[in-house]
Amino acid sequence: MSDHRTGKRFPLHLPIRVKGQQDQKSGQTDNLSAAGVYIWLEGEPQVDAEVQFEITIPGRDIGSNDDVIVRCNGRVVRSDGVDTTQGKTGVACVIDSYEFVRTALQGSGT
């Protein structure tokens, strides 16, 4: 099996919400690059399924008072099956597009 990764992966463990065609699940990223993400997720999404997901970057990690949410559109490219120690599935997704979600500033008085 060849490795199709493009770009450096960073071992980031961030909260993620994944919306599939039928439901929404919560999970955690294991690693992240500009082109893709590997996540631990409850359930087993189908390979080639289109997904939308939101990754929350804690403000404290980037020097901000507010968390940053990145909304992504992508698709499942690999499902590694359930890890019995976690009870979650390892899933690789490619990121086709993303946007930063603008949130109201806390304490801005507006």
C-alpha atoms as a PDB file:
ATOM      1  CA  MET A   1       0.000   0.000   0.000  1.00  0.00           C
ATOM      2  CA  SER A   2       1.467   3.367  -0.982  1.00  0.00           C
ATOM      3  CA  ASP A   3       1.358   6.403   1.267  1.00  0.00           C
ATOM      4  CA  HIS A   4      -0.644   9.234  -0.358  1.00  0.00           C
ATOM      5  CA  ARG A   5       0.057  11.874   2.262  1.00  0.00           C
ATOM      6  CA  THR A   6       0.853  15.344   1.069  1.00  0.00           C
ATOM      7  CA  GLY A   7       2.420  17.597   3.657  1.00  0.00           C
ATOM      8  CA  LYS A   8       3.616  17.308   7.201  1.00  0.00           C
ATOM      9  CA  ARG A   9       1.270  15.846   9.809  1.00  0.00           C
ATOM     10  CA  PHE A  10       1.101  17.355  13.271  1.00  0.00           C
ATOM     11  CA  PRO A  11       0.128  15.257  16.304  1.00  0.00           C
ATOM     12  CA  LEU A  12      -2.754  17.416  17.538  1.00  0.00           C
ATOM     13  CA  HIS A  13      -5.465  16.034  19.818  1.00  0.00           C
ATOM     14  CA  LEU A  14      -8.374  18.429  19.340  1.00  0.00           C
ATOM     15  CA  PRO A  15     -12.143  18.046  19.757  1.00  0.00           C
ATOM     16  CA  ILE A  16     -13.987  17.397  16.504  1.00  0.00           C
ATOM     17  CA  ARG A  17     -17.644  17.068  15.482  1.00  0.00           C
ATOM     18  CA  VAL A  18     -18.346  15.080  12.333  1.00  0.00           C
ATOM     19  CA  LYS A  19     -21.593  15.308  10.375  1.00  0.00           C
ATOM     20  CA  GLY A  20     -22.229  12.463   7.984  1.00  0.00           C
ATOM     21  CA  GLN A  21     -25.175  11.869   5.687  1.00  0.00           C
ATOM     22  CA  GLN A  22     -27.261  10.362   8.485  1.00  0.00           C
ATOM     23  CA  ASP A  23     -25.937  11.543  11.853  1.00  0.00           C
ATOM     24  CA  GLN A  24     -23.463  13.607  13.845  1.00  0.00           C
ATOM     25  CA  LYS A  25     -20.675  12.220  16.023  1.00  0.00           C
ATOM     26  CA  SER A  26     -18.051  13.645  18.348  1.00  0.00           C
ATOM     27  CA  GLY A  27     -14.449  12.560  18.382  1.00  0.00           C
ATOM     28  CA  GLN A  28     -10.866  13.710  18.660  1.00  0.00           C
ATOM     29  CA  THR A  29      -8.175  14.369  16.099  1.00  0.00           C
ATOM     30  CA  ASP A  30      -5.026  12.259  16.271  1.00  0.00           C
ATOM     31  CA  ASN A  31      -3.057  14.175  13.672  1.00  0.00           C
ATOM     32  CA  LEU A  32      -3.722  16.973  11.237  1.00  0.00           C
ATOM     33  CA  SER A  33      -2.210  18.394   8.061  1.00  0.00           C
ATOM     34  CA  ALA A  34      -3.264  21.027   5.551  1.00  0.00           C
ATOM     35  CA  ALA A  35      -4.788  18.298   3.374  1.00  0.00           C
ATOM     36  CA  GLY A  36      -6.232  15.819   5.845  1.00  0.00           C
ATOM     37  CA  VAL A  37      -7.009  14.656   9.343  1.00  0.00           C
ATOM     38  CA  TYR A  38      -6.931  11.364  11.222  1.00  0.00           C
ATOM     39  CA  ILE A  39      -9.617  11.082  13.885  1.00  0.00           C
ATOM     40  CA  TRP A  40     -10.929   8.706  16.520  1.00  0.00           C
ATOM     41  CA  LEU A  41     -14.697   8.514  16.210  1.00  0.00           C
ATOM     42  CA  GLU A  42     -17.608   6.485  17.516  1.00  0.00           C
ATOM     43  CA  GLY A  43     -19.254   4.432  14.775  1.00  0.00           C
ATOM     44  CA  GLU A  44     -17.799   3.375  11.449  1.00  0.00           C
ATOM     45  CA  PRO A  45     -18.277   5.844   8.585  1.00  0.00           C
ATOM     46  CA  GLN A  46     -18.209   4.449   5.067  1.00  0.00           C
ATOM     47  CA  VAL A  47     -15.163   4.982   2.869  1.00  0.00           C
ATOM     48  CA  ASP A  48     -15.916   7.609   0.175  1.00  0.00           C
ATOM     49  CA  ALA A  49     -18.684   9.159   2.316  1.00  0.00           C
ATOM     50  CA  GLU A  50     -18.784  12.948   2.206  1.00  0.00           C
ATOM     51  CA  VAL A  51     -18.497  14.531   5.643  1.00  0.00           C
ATOM     52  CA  GLN A  52     -18.546  17.947   7.221  1.00  0.00           C
ATOM     53  CA  PHE A  53     -16.589  18.435  10.393  1.00  0.00           C
ATOM     54  CA  GLU A  54     -15.698  21.173  12.823  1.00  0.00           C
ATOM     55  CA  ILE A  55     -12.372  21.204  14.627  1.00  0.00           C
ATOM     56  CA  THR A  56     -12.140  23.347  17.749  1.00  0.00           C
ATOM     57  CA  ILE A  57      -8.752  24.913  18.473  1.00  0.00           C
ATOM     58  CA  PRO A  58      -8.641  26.063  22.112  1.00  0.00           C
ATOM     59  CA  GLY A  59      -7.885  29.779  22.390  1.00  0.00           C
ATOM     60  CA  ARG A  60      -5.342  29.146  25.169  1.00  0.00           C
ATOM     61  CA  ASP A  61      -3.260  27.127  22.676  1.00  0.00           C
ATOM     62  CA  ILE A  62      -3.005  30.007  20.216  1.00  0.00           C
ATOM     63  CA  GLY A  63      -2.913  32.974  22.577  1.00  0.00           C
ATOM     64  CA  SER A  64      -6.552  33.989  22.176  1.00  0.00           C
ATOM     65  CA  ASN A  65      -9.382  34.513  24.644  1.00  0.00           C
ATOM     66  CA  ASP A  66     -11.736  32.631  22.330  1.00  0.00           C
ATOM     67  CA  ASP A  67     -11.639  29.177  20.786  1.00  0.00           C
ATOM     68  CA  VAL A  68     -11.285  29.014  17.001  1.00  0.00           C
ATOM     69  CA  ILE A  69     -13.563  26.743  15.014  1.00  0.00           C
ATOM     70  CA  VAL A  70     -12.492  25.455  11.604  1.00  0.00           C
ATOM     71  CA  ARG A  71     -15.372  24.083   9.493  1.00  0.00           C
ATOM     72  CA  CYS A  72     -14.224  21.566   6.881  1.00  0.00           C
ATOM     73  CA  ASN A  73     -15.768  19.668   3.990  1.00  0.00           C
ATOM     74  CA  GLY A  74     -14.130  16.421   3.081  1.00  0.00           C
ATOM     75  CA  ARG A  75     -14.505  12.703   2.559  1.00  0.00           C
ATOM     76  CA  VAL A  76     -13.537   9.505   4.280  1.00  0.00           C
ATOM     77  CA  VAL A  77     -10.597   7.847   2.523  1.00  0.00           C
ATOM     78  CA  ARG A  78      -9.865   5.082   5.037  1.00  0.00           C
ATOM     79  CA  SER A  79     -11.454   3.424   8.037  1.00  0.00           C
ATOM     80  CA  ASP A  80      -9.106   1.341  10.182  1.00  0.00           C
ATOM     81  CA  GLY A  81     -11.813  -0.385  12.202  1.00  0.00           C
ATOM     82  CA  VAL A  82     -12.578  -0.204  15.895  1.00  0.00           C
ATOM     83  CA  ASP A  83      -9.733   0.021  18.411  1.00  0.00           C
ATOM     84  CA  THR A  84     -10.998  -2.159  21.242  1.00  0.00           C
ATOM     85  CA  THR A  85      -9.003  -0.262  23.876  1.00  0.00           C
ATOM     86  CA  GLN A  86     -10.835   2.983  23.010  1.00  0.00           C
ATOM     87  CA  GLY A  87     -14.053   1.658  21.526  1.00  0.00           C
ATOM     88  CA  LYS A  88     -13.606   4.111  18.651  1.00  0.00           C
ATOM     89  CA  THR A  89     -12.784   3.849  14.964  1.00  0.00           C
ATOM     90  CA  GLY A  90      -9.650   5.331  13.415  1.00  0.00           C
ATOM     91  CA  VAL A  91     -10.703   7.305  10.325  1.00  0.00           C
ATOM     92  CA  ALA A  92      -8.635   9.174   7.742  1.00  0.00           C
ATOM     93  CA  CYS A  93     -10.348  12.056   5.943  1.00  0.00           C
ATOM     94  CA  VAL A  94      -9.142  14.285   3.172  1.00  0.00           C
ATOM     95  CA  ILE A  95      -9.988  17.985   3.545  1.00  0.00           C
ATOM     96  CA  ASP A  96     -11.478  19.380   0.324  1.00  0.00           C
ATOM     97  CA  SER A  97     -12.251  22.862   1.681  1.00  0.00           C
ATOM     98  CA  TYR A  98     -12.315  24.725   4.983  1.00  0.00           C
ATOM     99  CA  GLU A  99     -13.299  28.027   6.540  1.00  0.00           C
ATOM    100  CA  PHE A 100     -12.770  29.695   9.879  1.00  0.00           C
ATOM    101  CA  VAL A 101     -16.047  30.257  11.714  1.00  0.00           C
ATOM    102  CA  ARG A 102     -16.381  33.773  13.006  1.00  0.00           C
ATOM    103  CA  THR A 103     -17.711  33.933  16.555  1.00  0.00           C
ATOM    104  CA  ALA A 104     -18.918  36.897  18.605  1.00  0.00           C
ATOM    105  CA  LEU A 105     -16.141  38.521  20.579  1.00  0.00           C
ATOM    106  CA  GLN A 106     -16.569  38.108  24.302  1.00  0.00           C
ATOM    107  CA  GLY A 107     -16.668  41.302  26.309  1.00  0.00           C
ATOM    108  CA  SER A 108     -16.607  43.521  23.215  1.00  0.00           C
ATOM    109  CA  GLY A 109     -19.667  45.542  24.321  1.00  0.00           C
ATOM    110  CA  THR A 110     -21.247  45.379  20.862  1.00  0.00           C
END
